[in-house]
Amino acid sequence: MAAFETTRPAPFGAISIFRLVGFIGDSVAMLSAWNDARVTRKTLGKLSDRELDDIGLCRGDIEMIGR
């Protein structure tokens, strides 16, 4: 039976590029989550107290929900 060597070094710079792509992906995901929370807070802030009460919230809950 033949044996193959399966471990070999990564090409030059491959690990750095992999980390850079991961960092950019994480940054985009974090920016997207921040924007979603901002839009949610802004939309809830436009509701009246009665409308907020209908969905079981008060003004103080808006900031906590956005996080």
PDB file of N, CA and C in Angstrom:
ATOM      1  N   MET A   1       0.846  -1.154   0.000  1.00  0.00           N
ATOM      2  CA  MET A   1       0.000   0.000   0.000  1.00  0.00           C
ATOM      3  C   MET A   1       0.907   1.237   0.000  1.00  0.00           C
ATOM      4  N   ALA A   2       0.497   2.225  -0.756  1.00  0.00           N
ATOM      5  CA  ALA A   2       1.283   3.441  -0.872  1.00  0.00           C
ATOM      6  C   ALA A   2       0.883   4.431   0.218  1.00  0.00           C
ATOM      7  N   ALA A   3       1.837   5.186   0.662  1.00  0.00           N
ATOM      8  CA  ALA A   3       1.592   6.211   1.669  1.00  0.00           C
ATOM      9  C   ALA A   3       1.866   7.581   1.042  1.00  0.00           C
ATOM     10  N   PHE A   4       1.004   8.518   1.324  1.00  0.00           N
ATOM     11  CA  PHE A   4       1.170   9.860   0.787  1.00  0.00           C
ATOM     12  C   PHE A   4       1.456  10.827   1.927  1.00  0.00           C
ATOM     13  N   GLU A   5       2.340  11.721   1.658  1.00  0.00           N
ATOM     14  CA  GLU A   5       2.632  12.776   2.625  1.00  0.00           C
ATOM     15  C   GLU A   5       1.551  13.850   2.475  1.00  0.00           C
ATOM     16  N   THR A   6       0.760  14.060   3.523  1.00  0.00           N
ATOM     17  CA  THR A   6      -0.370  14.995   3.415  1.00  0.00           C
ATOM     18  C   THR A   6      -0.094  16.329   4.096  1.00  0.00           C
ATOM     19  N   THR A   7       1.010  16.451   4.780  1.00  0.00           N
ATOM     20  CA  THR A   7       1.309  17.720   5.432  1.00  0.00           C
ATOM     21  C   THR A   7       2.376  18.437   4.620  1.00  0.00           C
ATOM     22  N   ARG A   8       2.066  19.638   4.237  1.00  0.00           N
ATOM     23  CA  ARG A   8       3.037  20.456   3.530  1.00  0.00           C
ATOM     24  C   ARG A   8       2.801  21.902   3.939  1.00  0.00           C
ATOM     25  N   PRO A   9       3.816  22.710   3.865  1.00  0.00           N
ATOM     26  CA  PRO A   9       3.649  24.096   4.298  1.00  0.00           C
ATOM     27  C   PRO A   9       2.728  24.872   3.366  1.00  0.00           C
ATOM     28  N   ALA A  10       2.034  25.839   3.937  1.00  0.00           N
ATOM     29  CA  ALA A  10       1.162  26.695   3.146  1.00  0.00           C
ATOM     30  C   ALA A  10       2.024  27.597   2.271  1.00  0.00           C
ATOM     31  N   PRO A  11       1.505  27.976   1.111  1.00  0.00           N
ATOM     32  CA  PRO A  11       2.264  28.897   0.256  1.00  0.00           C
ATOM     33  C   PRO A  11       2.550  30.209   0.968  1.00  0.00           C
ATOM     34  N   PHE A  12       3.590  30.868   0.547  1.00  0.00           N
ATOM     35  CA  PHE A  12       4.020  32.118   1.178  1.00  0.00           C
ATOM     36  C   PHE A  12       2.890  33.138   1.190  1.00  0.00           C
ATOM     37  N   GLY A  13       2.567  33.639   2.363  1.00  0.00           N
ATOM     38  CA  GLY A  13       1.554  34.671   2.515  1.00  0.00           C
ATOM     39  C   GLY A  13       0.126  34.166   2.612  1.00  0.00           C
ATOM     40  N   ALA A  14      -0.100  32.880   2.467  1.00  0.00           N
ATOM     41  CA  ALA A  14      -1.463  32.350   2.483  1.00  0.00           C
ATOM     42  C   ALA A  14      -2.138  32.549   3.837  1.00  0.00           C
ATOM     43  N   ILE A  15      -1.407  32.355   4.894  1.00  0.00           N
ATOM     44  CA  ILE A  15      -1.984  32.497   6.229  1.00  0.00           C
ATOM     45  C   ILE A  15      -2.322  33.962   6.498  1.00  0.00           C
ATOM     46  N   SER A  16      -1.442  34.864   6.075  1.00  0.00           N
ATOM     47  CA  SER A  16      -1.705  36.296   6.263  1.00  0.00           C
ATOM     48  C   SER A  16      -2.939  36.730   5.486  1.00  0.00           C
ATOM     49  N   ILE A  17      -3.071  36.260   4.266  1.00  0.00           N
ATOM     50  CA  ILE A  17      -4.238  36.600   3.452  1.00  0.00           C
ATOM     51  C   ILE A  17      -5.497  36.014   4.074  1.00  0.00           C
ATOM     52  N   PHE A  18      -5.425  34.786   4.574  1.00  0.00           N
ATOM     53  CA  PHE A  18      -6.561  34.150   5.236  1.00  0.00           C
ATOM     54  C   PHE A  18      -7.011  34.972   6.442  1.00  0.00           C
ATOM     55  N   ARG A  19      -6.057  35.438   7.235  1.00  0.00           N
ATOM     56  CA  ARG A  19      -6.391  36.258   8.406  1.00  0.00           C
ATOM     57  C   ARG A  19      -6.968  37.602   7.995  1.00  0.00           C
ATOM     58  N   LEU A  20      -6.433  38.198   6.937  1.00  0.00           N
ATOM     59  CA  LEU A  20      -6.945  39.483   6.450  1.00  0.00           C
ATOM     60  C   LEU A  20      -8.388  39.346   5.969  1.00  0.00           C
ATOM     61  N   VAL A  21      -8.664  38.295   5.214  1.00  0.00           N
ATOM     62  CA  VAL A  21     -10.024  38.063   4.731  1.00  0.00           C
ATOM     63  C   VAL A  21     -10.972  37.817   5.905  1.00  0.00           C
ATOM     64  N   GLY A  22     -10.531  37.074   6.899  1.00  0.00           N
ATOM     65  CA  GLY A  22     -11.339  36.847   8.105  1.00  0.00           C
ATOM     66  C   GLY A  22     -11.617  38.136   8.850  1.00  0.00           C
ATOM     67  N   PHE A  23     -10.601  38.991   8.958  1.00  0.00           N
ATOM     68  CA  PHE A  23     -10.768  40.274   9.639  1.00  0.00           C
ATOM     69  C   PHE A  23     -11.771  41.147   8.897  1.00  0.00           C
ATOM     70  N   ILE A  24     -11.657  41.204   7.584  1.00  0.00           N
ATOM     71  CA  ILE A  24     -12.588  42.012   6.786  1.00  0.00           C
ATOM     72  C   ILE A  24     -14.007  41.457   6.913  1.00  0.00           C
ATOM     73  N   GLY A  25     -14.167  40.151   6.857  1.00  0.00           N
ATOM     74  CA  GLY A  25     -15.486  39.532   7.014  1.00  0.00           C
ATOM     75  C   GLY A  25     -16.092  39.826   8.368  1.00  0.00           C
ATOM     76  N   ASP A  26     -15.285  39.737   9.421  1.00  0.00           N
ATOM     77  CA  ASP A  26     -15.769  40.036  10.769  1.00  0.00           C
ATOM     78  C   ASP A  26     -16.158  41.511  10.897  1.00  0.00           C
ATOM     79  N   SER A  27     -15.372  42.381  10.279  1.00  0.00           N
ATOM     80  CA  SER A  27     -15.666  43.814  10.330  1.00  0.00           C
ATOM     81  C   SER A  27     -16.980  44.132   9.626  1.00  0.00           C
ATOM     82  N   VAL A  28     -17.198  43.512   8.478  1.00  0.00           N
ATOM     83  CA  VAL A  28     -18.448  43.737   7.742  1.00  0.00           C
ATOM     84  C   VAL A  28     -19.635  43.231   8.550  1.00  0.00           C
ATOM     85  N   ALA A  29     -19.500  42.077   9.181  1.00  0.00           N
ATOM     86  CA  ALA A  29     -20.583  41.523   9.998  1.00  0.00           C
ATOM     87  C   ALA A  29     -20.874  42.429  11.198  1.00  0.00           C
ATOM     88  N   MET A  30     -19.828  42.966  11.827  1.00  0.00           N
ATOM     89  CA  MET A  30     -20.017  43.846  12.971  1.00  0.00           C
ATOM     90  C   MET A  30     -20.684  45.158  12.540  1.00  0.00           C
ATOM     91  N   LEU A  31     -20.280  45.682  11.413  1.00  0.00           N
ATOM     92  CA  LEU A  31     -20.882  46.908  10.897  1.00  0.00           C
ATOM     93  C   LEU A  31     -22.350  46.686  10.550  1.00  0.00           C
ATOM     94  N   SER A  32     -22.655  45.547   9.983  1.00  0.00           N
ATOM     95  CA  SER A  32     -24.040  45.225   9.636  1.00  0.00           C
ATOM     96  C   SER A  32     -24.905  45.091  10.888  1.00  0.00           C
ATOM     97  N   ALA A  33     -24.393  44.448  11.919  1.00  0.00           N
ATOM     98  CA  ALA A  33     -25.139  44.304  13.174  1.00  0.00           C
ATOM     99  C   ALA A  33     -25.361  45.663  13.831  1.00  0.00           C
ATOM    100  N   TRP A  34     -24.335  46.529  13.801  1.00  0.00           N
ATOM    101  CA  TRP A  34     -24.481  47.871  14.368  1.00  0.00           C
ATOM    102  C   TRP A  34     -25.561  48.648  13.620  1.00  0.00           C
ATOM    103  N   ASN A  35     -25.548  48.553  12.294  1.00  0.00           N
ATOM    104  CA  ASN A  35     -26.535  49.283  11.501  1.00  0.00           C
ATOM    105  C   ASN A  35     -27.951  48.761  11.757  1.00  0.00           C
ATOM    106  N   ASP A  36     -28.106  47.450  11.871  1.00  0.00           N
ATOM    107  CA  ASP A  36     -29.428  46.884  12.180  1.00  0.00           C
ATOM    108  C   ASP A  36     -29.944  47.401  13.524  1.00  0.00           C
ATOM    109  N   ALA A  37     -29.069  47.442  14.523  1.00  0.00           N
ATOM    110  CA  ALA A  37     -29.471  47.939  15.843  1.00  0.00           C
ATOM    111  C   ALA A  37     -29.824  49.425  15.762  1.00  0.00           C
ATOM    112  N   ARG A  38     -29.072  50.194  15.000  1.00  0.00           N
ATOM    113  CA  ARG A  38     -29.346  51.621  14.847  1.00  0.00           C
ATOM    114  C   ARG A  38     -30.701  51.853  14.201  1.00  0.00           C
ATOM    115  N   VAL A  39     -30.998  51.091  13.147  1.00  0.00           N
ATOM    116  CA  VAL A  39     -32.287  51.230  12.458  1.00  0.00           C
ATOM    117  C   VAL A  39     -33.429  50.830  13.390  1.00  0.00           C
ATOM    118  N   THR A  40     -33.237  49.776  14.168  1.00  0.00           N
ATOM    119  CA  THR A  40     -34.265  49.331  15.114  1.00  0.00           C
ATOM    120  C   THR A  40     -34.541  50.412  16.160  1.00  0.00           C
ATOM    121  N   ARG A  41     -33.466  50.973  16.743  1.00  0.00           N
ATOM    122  CA  ARG A  41     -33.646  52.034  17.746  1.00  0.00           C
ATOM    123  C   ARG A  41     -34.340  53.243  17.148  1.00  0.00           C
ATOM    124  N   LYS A  42     -33.959  53.608  15.938  1.00  0.00           N
ATOM    125  CA  LYS A  42     -34.560  54.772  15.292  1.00  0.00           C
ATOM    126  C   LYS A  42     -36.050  54.549  15.024  1.00  0.00           C
ATOM    127  N   THR A  43     -36.393  53.358  14.546  1.00  0.00           N
ATOM    128  CA  THR A  43     -37.790  53.035  14.254  1.00  0.00           C
ATOM    129  C   THR A  43     -38.625  52.990  15.528  1.00  0.00           C
ATOM    130  N   LEU A  44     -38.104  52.353  16.571  1.00  0.00           N
ATOM    131  CA  LEU A  44     -38.839  52.293  17.835  1.00  0.00           C
ATOM    132  C   LEU A  44     -38.967  53.674  18.460  1.00  0.00           C
ATOM    133  N   GLY A  45     -37.969  54.520  18.258  1.00  0.00           N
ATOM    134  CA  GLY A  45     -38.019  55.868  18.802  1.00  0.00           C
ATOM    135  C   GLY A  45     -39.112  56.720  18.176  1.00  0.00           C
ATOM    136  N   LYS A  46     -39.512  56.388  16.970  1.00  0.00           N
ATOM    137  CA  LYS A  46     -40.564  57.139  16.284  1.00  0.00           C
ATOM    138  C   LYS A  46     -41.968  56.741  16.742  1.00  0.00           C
ATOM    139  N   LEU A  47     -42.093  55.608  17.433  1.00  0.00           N
ATOM    140  CA  LEU A  47     -43.407  55.156  17.886  1.00  0.00           C
ATOM    141  C   LEU A  47     -43.877  55.991  19.072  1.00  0.00           C
ATOM    142  N   SER A  48     -45.179  56.108  19.189  1.00  0.00           N
ATOM    143  CA  SER A  48     -45.748  56.810  20.339  1.00  0.00           C
ATOM    144  C   SER A  48     -45.697  55.901  21.568  1.00  0.00           C
ATOM    145  N   ASP A  49     -45.922  56.500  22.735  1.00  0.00           N
ATOM    146  CA  ASP A  49     -45.918  55.705  23.965  1.00  0.00           C
ATOM    147  C   ASP A  49     -47.014  54.647  23.936  1.00  0.00           C
ATOM    148  N   ARG A  50     -48.136  54.980  23.362  1.00  0.00           N
ATOM    149  CA  ARG A  50     -49.239  54.008  23.272  1.00  0.00           C
ATOM    150  C   ARG A  50     -48.857  52.831  22.360  1.00  0.00           C
ATOM    151  N   GLU A  51     -48.225  53.129  21.249  1.00  0.00           N
ATOM    152  CA  GLU A  51     -47.809  52.053  20.340  1.00  0.00           C
ATOM    153  C   GLU A  51     -46.746  51.177  20.990  1.00  0.00           C
ATOM    154  N   LEU A  52     -45.855  51.791  21.713  1.00  0.00           N
ATOM    155  CA  LEU A  52     -44.854  50.999  22.433  1.00  0.00           C
ATOM    156  C   LEU A  52     -45.512  50.128  23.492  1.00  0.00           C
ATOM    157  N   ASP A  53     -46.507  50.662  24.182  1.00  0.00           N
ATOM    158  CA  ASP A  53     -47.226  49.901  25.196  1.00  0.00           C
ATOM    159  C   ASP A  53     -47.955  48.712  24.562  1.00  0.00           C
ATOM    160  N   ASP A  54     -48.467  48.896  23.337  1.00  0.00           N
ATOM    161  CA  ASP A  54     -49.146  47.801  22.639  1.00  0.00           C
ATOM    162  C   ASP A  54     -48.221  46.617  22.378  1.00  0.00           C
ATOM    163  N   ILE A  55     -46.957  46.887  22.158  1.00  0.00           N
ATOM    164  CA  ILE A  55     -46.015  45.781  21.909  1.00  0.00           C
ATOM    165  C   ILE A  55     -45.232  45.402  23.173  1.00  0.00           C
ATOM    166  N   GLY A  56     -45.634  45.992  24.299  1.00  0.00           N
ATOM    167  CA  GLY A  56     -45.060  45.600  25.589  1.00  0.00           C
ATOM    168  C   GLY A  56     -43.727  46.256  25.911  1.00  0.00           C
ATOM    169  N   LEU A  57     -43.496  47.455  25.390  1.00  0.00           N
ATOM    170  CA  LEU A  57     -42.241  48.155  25.651  1.00  0.00           C
ATOM    171  C   LEU A  57     -42.508  49.526  26.250  1.00  0.00           C
ATOM    172  N   CYS A  58     -41.470  50.107  26.806  1.00  0.00           N
ATOM    173  CA  CYS A  58     -41.522  51.500  27.237  1.00  0.00           C
ATOM    174  C   CYS A  58     -40.292  52.189  26.653  1.00  0.00           C
ATOM    175  N   ARG A  59     -40.232  53.505  26.784  1.00  0.00           N
ATOM    176  CA  ARG A  59     -39.125  54.265  26.191  1.00  0.00           C
ATOM    177  C   ARG A  59     -37.762  53.782  26.689  1.00  0.00           C
ATOM    178  N   GLY A  60     -37.697  53.388  27.931  1.00  0.00           N
ATOM    179  CA  GLY A  60     -36.430  52.931  28.506  1.00  0.00           C
ATOM    180  C   GLY A  60     -35.924  51.614  27.921  1.00  0.00           C
ATOM    181  N   ASP A  61     -36.819  50.846  27.337  1.00  0.00           N
ATOM    182  CA  ASP A  61     -36.430  49.548  26.772  1.00  0.00           C
ATOM    183  C   ASP A  61     -35.792  49.688  25.392  1.00  0.00           C
ATOM    184  N   ILE A  62     -35.975  50.808  24.734  1.00  0.00           N
ATOM    185  CA  ILE A  62     -35.510  50.950  23.346  1.00  0.00           C
ATOM    186  C   ILE A  62     -34.005  50.774  23.246  1.00  0.00           C
ATOM    187  N   GLU A  63     -33.264  51.432  24.104  1.00  0.00           N
ATOM    188  CA  GLU A  63     -31.799  51.345  24.041  1.00  0.00           C
ATOM    189  C   GLU A  63     -31.317  49.924  24.309  1.00  0.00           C
ATOM    190  N   MET A  64     -31.984  49.230  25.235  1.00  0.00           N
ATOM    191  CA  MET A  64     -31.574  47.865  25.560  1.00  0.00           C
ATOM    192  C   MET A  64     -31.867  46.902  24.418  1.00  0.00           C
ATOM    193  N   ILE A  65     -32.957  47.107  23.708  1.00  0.00           N
ATOM    194  CA  ILE A  65     -33.314  46.225  22.596  1.00  0.00           C
ATOM    195  C   ILE A  65     -32.350  46.389  21.436  1.00  0.00           C
ATOM    196  N   GLY A  66     -31.886  47.607  21.229  1.00  0.00           N
ATOM    197  CA  GLY A  66     -30.966  47.862  20.135  1.00  0.00           C
ATOM    198  C   GLY A  66     -29.612  47.213  20.302  1.00  0.00           C
ATOM    199  N   ARG A  67     -29.298  46.776  21.508  1.00  0.00           N
ATOM    200  CA  ARG A  67     -27.995  46.157  21.755  1.00  0.00           C
ATOM    201  C   ARG A  67     -28.116  44.715  21.536  1.00  0.00           C
TER     202      ARG A  67
END
